[in-house]
Amino acid sequence: MTNAVEVRHLSKSIEGSPILNDICMNVKQGEIYGFLGANGAGKTSLMKTLYHIIFPDTGTVCLLGETINRGNNPVFSRIGSIIESPVFYSHLSAYENMELHCRYMGAGCENIMETLSMLGIAETGNKAVGKFSMGMKQRLALARAMLTKPDLLILDEPINGLDPQGIIEVRELLLRINQEYHTSILISSHILDELSKIADTIGIIDHGAMLAEVSMKELTAKGIDLETYYLGLLGGGEKNVESYPHGN
């Protein structure tokens, strides 16, 4: 089976300082992959290299079976994403921003209201997005990412700015999209508890290096919770992490 995301020996330095160091990553088709690391660990930098927002110095990236190169990459039309802070036309409504996205993607607009409803922002009417709260903007970013029913979602800290109820709703929505549409999801966060509730596989990054990829089922079978595993892997836990599963 083709991986939804396959990264091989990817490295990147900026002004002589390494930000990514020989990264390998495998996101299986149809799974939810939780990408875990502290703020500044390299999560966003890696996600930017997947989209070639920044270009790696070495290594390869394959998305949905297609190798990503400089220039035009048609596979991006099959991917929805949130990378860093979402940007909208602040004077336009949620619907109007979604219409523009449809035109950019060459897609029809028939799913806009359904998608806005799923994210709880269908009743915003003509309200300008510039007047939205941070949480509402984050919901709109998720709606835009999901609008074209992509085969792969790449979501960088998608629950930022959401209240507890919003976090629960987004978690349930992502699980439903994954189960009903078999959408592969790569989701980054620094919140261990949330990733443990949603992810099939966890990848842990620290100081630009991938420390481990591990199955949540494997951790559960061994009676190891994600927090204990994470702290042990980073050298802050009491247990010896050498006995823990590390995946690839």
Protein backbone atom coordinates (compact mmCIF):
# COMPACT_ATOMS: atom_id res chain seq x y z
CA MET A 1 0.00 0.00 0.00
CA THR A 2 1.28 3.46 -0.93
CA ASN A 3 1.97 5.78 1.99
CA ALA A 4 -0.01 9.01 2.06
CA VAL A 5 3.16 10.81 3.16
CA GLU A 6 6.67 9.46 2.74
CA VAL A 7 9.69 11.53 3.73
CA ARG A 8 13.22 10.22 3.25
CA HIS A 9 16.38 11.68 4.81
CA LEU A 10 15.16 15.25 4.67
CA SER A 11 17.40 17.99 6.05
CA LYS A 12 17.20 21.78 6.04
CA SER A 13 19.46 24.52 7.39
CA ILE A 14 18.83 28.26 7.51
CA GLU A 15 21.86 30.57 7.69
CA GLY A 16 24.00 27.63 8.72
CA SER A 17 21.71 26.49 11.53
CA PRO A 18 20.00 23.11 11.04
CA ILE A 19 16.23 23.14 11.55
CA LEU A 20 15.56 19.63 10.23
CA ASN A 21 18.04 16.80 10.51
CA ASP A 22 17.75 13.62 8.39
CA ILE A 23 13.99 13.27 8.87
CA CYS A 24 12.20 10.09 7.81
CA MET A 25 8.42 9.85 8.15
CA ASN A 26 5.73 7.41 6.99
CA VAL A 27 2.02 8.28 7.13
CA LYS A 28 0.01 5.26 6.01
CA GLN A 29 -2.98 5.61 3.70
CA GLY A 30 -6.15 6.02 5.73
CA GLU A 31 -4.55 6.60 9.13
CA ILE A 32 -4.42 9.54 11.50
CA TYR A 33 -0.81 10.39 12.24
CA GLY A 34 -0.15 12.58 15.26
CA PHE A 35 2.99 14.69 14.93
CA LEU A 36 4.14 15.57 18.42
CA GLY A 37 6.77 18.01 19.64
CA ALA A 38 7.33 21.08 21.75
CA ASN A 39 6.93 24.54 20.24
CA GLY A 40 9.98 25.12 18.05
CA ALA A 41 10.77 21.40 17.70
CA GLY A 42 10.42 21.51 13.89
CA LYS A 43 6.80 20.46 13.26
CA THR A 44 5.84 23.50 11.18
CA SER A 45 9.16 23.52 9.33
CA LEU A 46 8.64 19.94 8.22
CA MET A 47 5.07 20.64 7.13
CA LYS A 48 6.31 23.60 5.07
CA THR A 49 8.80 21.33 3.30
CA LEU A 50 5.97 18.93 2.41
CA TYR A 51 4.36 21.77 0.47
CA HIS A 52 7.70 23.21 -0.71
CA ILE A 53 6.89 26.46 1.04
CA ILE A 54 10.49 26.02 2.07
CA PHE A 55 12.80 23.79 0.05
CA PRO A 56 14.85 21.03 1.69
CA ASP A 57 18.59 20.92 1.25
CA THR A 58 18.55 17.14 0.91
CA GLY A 59 15.98 14.37 0.93
CA THR A 60 12.73 13.51 -0.83
CA VAL A 61 9.02 13.99 -0.17
CA CYS A 62 6.24 11.87 -1.70
CA LEU A 63 2.58 12.80 -1.16
CA LEU A 64 -0.14 10.35 -2.24
CA GLY A 65 2.45 8.47 -4.27
CA GLU A 66 3.76 11.54 -6.12
CA THR A 67 7.27 12.89 -5.64
CA ILE A 68 7.19 16.62 -4.85
CA ASN A 69 9.53 18.73 -6.98
CA ARG A 70 10.12 22.42 -7.52
CA GLY A 71 7.46 23.88 -9.78
CA ASN A 72 3.95 22.62 -10.43
CA ASN A 73 2.72 19.70 -8.31
CA PRO A 74 -0.84 18.74 -9.34
CA VAL A 75 -1.16 16.40 -6.35
CA PHE A 76 -1.68 19.45 -4.12
CA SER A 77 -5.24 19.67 -5.50
CA ARG A 78 -5.97 16.44 -3.59
CA ILE A 79 -4.68 17.82 -0.29
CA GLY A 80 -6.24 20.16 2.27
CA SER A 81 -4.05 21.99 4.74
CA ILE A 82 -3.56 24.44 7.55
CA ILE A 83 0.03 25.61 7.72
CA GLU A 84 0.79 28.18 10.44
CA SER A 85 -1.73 31.00 10.94
CA PRO A 86 -4.54 30.90 8.34
CA VAL A 87 -4.90 33.95 6.09
CA PHE A 88 -8.25 35.20 4.77
CA TYR A 89 -9.67 38.22 2.99
CA SER A 90 -10.73 40.02 6.16
CA HIS A 91 -13.39 42.21 4.47
CA LEU A 92 -15.21 39.21 2.98
CA SER A 93 -17.61 36.78 4.68
CA ALA A 94 -16.84 33.14 5.42
CA TYR A 95 -18.90 32.06 2.41
CA GLU A 96 -17.15 34.52 0.09
CA ASN A 97 -13.73 33.34 1.27
CA MET A 98 -14.78 29.76 0.58
CA GLU A 99 -16.05 30.73 -2.89
CA LEU A 100 -12.65 32.19 -3.75
CA HIS A 101 -10.97 29.01 -2.54
CA CYS A 102 -13.24 26.94 -4.80
CA ARG A 103 -12.25 29.06 -7.80
CA TYR A 104 -8.58 28.77 -6.93
CA MET A 105 -8.90 24.98 -6.63
CA GLY A 106 -11.03 24.70 -9.77
CA ALA A 107 -13.84 23.10 -7.74
CA GLY A 108 -17.58 23.63 -7.52
CA CYS A 109 -19.18 25.56 -4.67
CA GLU A 110 -21.93 23.08 -3.83
CA ASN A 111 -20.26 21.85 -0.62
CA ILE A 112 -19.68 25.27 1.00
CA MET A 113 -22.73 25.47 3.26
CA GLU A 114 -22.47 21.82 4.28
CA THR A 115 -18.82 22.30 5.23
CA LEU A 116 -19.46 25.56 7.12
CA SER A 117 -22.27 23.78 8.99
CA MET A 118 -19.96 20.93 9.98
CA LEU A 119 -17.65 23.49 11.59
CA GLY A 120 -20.46 25.42 13.25
CA ILE A 121 -20.03 28.68 11.32
CA ALA A 122 -22.85 28.50 8.77
CA GLU A 123 -24.84 31.21 10.57
CA THR A 124 -22.22 33.95 10.28
CA GLY A 125 -23.98 35.37 7.20
CA ASN A 126 -22.38 38.53 5.81
CA LYS A 127 -20.17 39.10 8.86
CA ALA A 128 -16.65 40.01 7.74
CA VAL A 129 -14.01 37.45 8.67
CA GLY A 130 -11.92 40.29 10.11
CA LYS A 131 -14.50 40.47 12.92
CA PHE A 132 -14.26 36.74 13.72
CA SER A 133 -12.72 35.54 16.97
CA MET A 134 -9.53 33.47 16.78
CA GLY A 135 -11.55 30.31 17.35
CA MET A 136 -13.97 31.16 14.52
CA LYS A 137 -11.07 31.82 12.17
CA GLN A 138 -9.59 28.45 13.10
CA ARG A 139 -12.92 26.79 12.34
CA LEU A 140 -13.00 28.55 8.97
CA ALA A 141 -9.46 27.36 8.25
CA LEU A 142 -10.56 23.80 8.94
CA ALA A 143 -13.61 24.27 6.73
CA ARG A 144 -11.42 25.51 3.89
CA ALA A 145 -9.03 22.58 4.29
CA MET A 146 -11.91 20.08 4.18
CA LEU A 147 -14.00 21.79 1.50
CA THR A 148 -12.96 19.71 -1.51
CA LYS A 149 -13.06 16.39 0.41
CA PRO A 150 -9.31 15.87 0.00
CA ASP A 151 -7.52 12.51 0.14
CA LEU A 152 -5.01 13.94 2.62
CA LEU A 153 -5.27 16.59 5.33
CA ILE A 154 -2.11 18.27 6.65
CA LEU A 155 -3.06 20.22 9.77
CA ASP A 156 -0.61 22.30 11.74
CA GLU A 157 -1.94 22.87 15.30
CA PRO A 158 -5.60 22.94 14.13
CA ILE A 159 -7.07 23.22 17.65
CA ASN A 160 -5.21 26.42 18.50
CA GLY A 161 -7.62 29.08 19.70
CA LEU A 162 -10.51 26.68 20.25
CA ASP A 163 -12.34 26.40 23.56
CA PRO A 164 -12.73 22.94 25.19
CA GLN A 165 -16.04 22.26 23.45
CA GLY A 166 -14.56 23.30 20.11
CA ILE A 167 -11.61 20.95 20.63
CA ILE A 168 -13.98 18.05 21.28
CA GLU A 169 -16.06 18.90 18.20
CA VAL A 170 -13.00 19.10 15.94
CA ARG A 171 -11.65 15.81 17.33
CA GLU A 172 -14.95 14.06 16.60
CA LEU A 173 -15.15 15.64 13.15
CA LEU A 174 -11.65 14.50 12.17
CA LEU A 175 -12.39 10.98 13.36
CA ARG A 176 -15.62 10.94 11.33
CA ILE A 177 -13.90 12.24 8.18
CA ASN A 178 -11.16 9.65 8.58
CA GLN A 179 -13.63 6.79 9.11
CA GLU A 180 -16.27 7.76 6.54
CA TYR A 181 -14.04 9.02 3.71
CA HIS A 182 -10.82 7.15 4.58
CA THR A 183 -9.03 10.49 4.51
CA SER A 184 -5.42 10.30 5.65
CA ILE A 185 -4.66 12.95 8.27
CA LEU A 186 -1.32 14.33 9.44
CA ILE A 187 -2.01 16.50 12.48
CA SER A 188 0.62 18.29 14.54
CA SER A 189 0.24 19.39 18.13
CA HIS A 190 2.10 19.87 21.39
CA ILE A 191 -0.95 18.63 23.36
CA LEU A 192 -0.26 14.97 24.18
CA ASP A 193 -3.72 14.15 25.51
CA GLU A 194 -5.49 15.22 22.32
CA LEU A 195 -3.17 13.30 20.02
CA SER A 196 -3.50 10.16 22.14
CA LYS A 197 -7.29 10.28 21.64
CA ILE A 198 -7.21 10.58 17.86
CA ALA A 199 -4.00 9.18 16.39
CA ASP A 200 -3.19 5.70 15.08
CA THR A 201 0.52 6.50 14.90
CA ILE A 202 2.59 9.08 16.76
CA GLY A 203 5.74 10.69 15.36
CA ILE A 204 7.89 12.55 17.88
CA ILE A 205 10.25 15.33 16.83
CA ASP A 206 12.72 17.24 18.98
CA HIS A 207 15.28 19.86 17.91
CA GLY A 208 14.64 19.03 14.25
CA ALA A 209 15.24 15.28 14.62
CA MET A 210 12.63 12.52 14.42
CA LEU A 211 13.05 10.51 17.60
CA ALA A 212 10.44 7.81 16.99
CA GLU A 213 7.33 6.70 15.13
CA VAL A 214 5.17 4.45 17.28
CA SER A 215 1.74 2.83 17.07
CA MET A 216 -0.72 3.90 19.77
CA LYS A 217 -2.02 0.30 19.80
CA GLU A 218 1.49 -0.88 20.57
CA LEU A 219 1.84 1.56 23.45
CA THR A 220 -1.58 0.62 24.82
CA ALA A 221 -0.80 -3.11 24.59
CA LYS A 222 2.35 -2.51 26.63
CA GLY A 223 0.45 -0.43 29.19
CA ILE A 224 2.43 2.72 28.38
CA ASP A 225 0.62 6.06 28.19
CA LEU A 226 1.79 8.63 25.65
CA GLU A 227 2.99 11.14 28.26
CA THR A 228 5.22 8.55 29.94
CA TYR A 229 6.59 7.45 26.57
CA TYR A 230 7.22 11.02 25.43
CA LEU A 231 8.98 12.09 28.63
CA GLY A 232 11.05 8.92 28.68
CA LEU A 233 12.09 9.43 25.07
CA LEU A 234 13.22 12.98 25.83
CA GLY A 235 15.09 11.83 28.93
CA GLY A 236 12.68 13.39 31.41
CA GLY A 237 10.86 10.28 32.58
CA GLU A 238 11.65 7.77 35.27
CA LYS A 239 11.32 4.67 33.10
CA ASN A 240 14.00 3.42 30.75
CA VAL A 241 12.84 4.28 27.24
CA GLU A 242 15.23 1.75 25.67
CA SER A 243 12.60 -0.92 26.36
CA TYR A 244 9.87 1.06 24.55
CA PRO A 245 8.78 0.49 20.95
CA HIS A 246 10.24 3.02 18.52
CA GLY A 247 8.59 1.99 15.27
CA ASN A 248 10.71 2.56 12.14
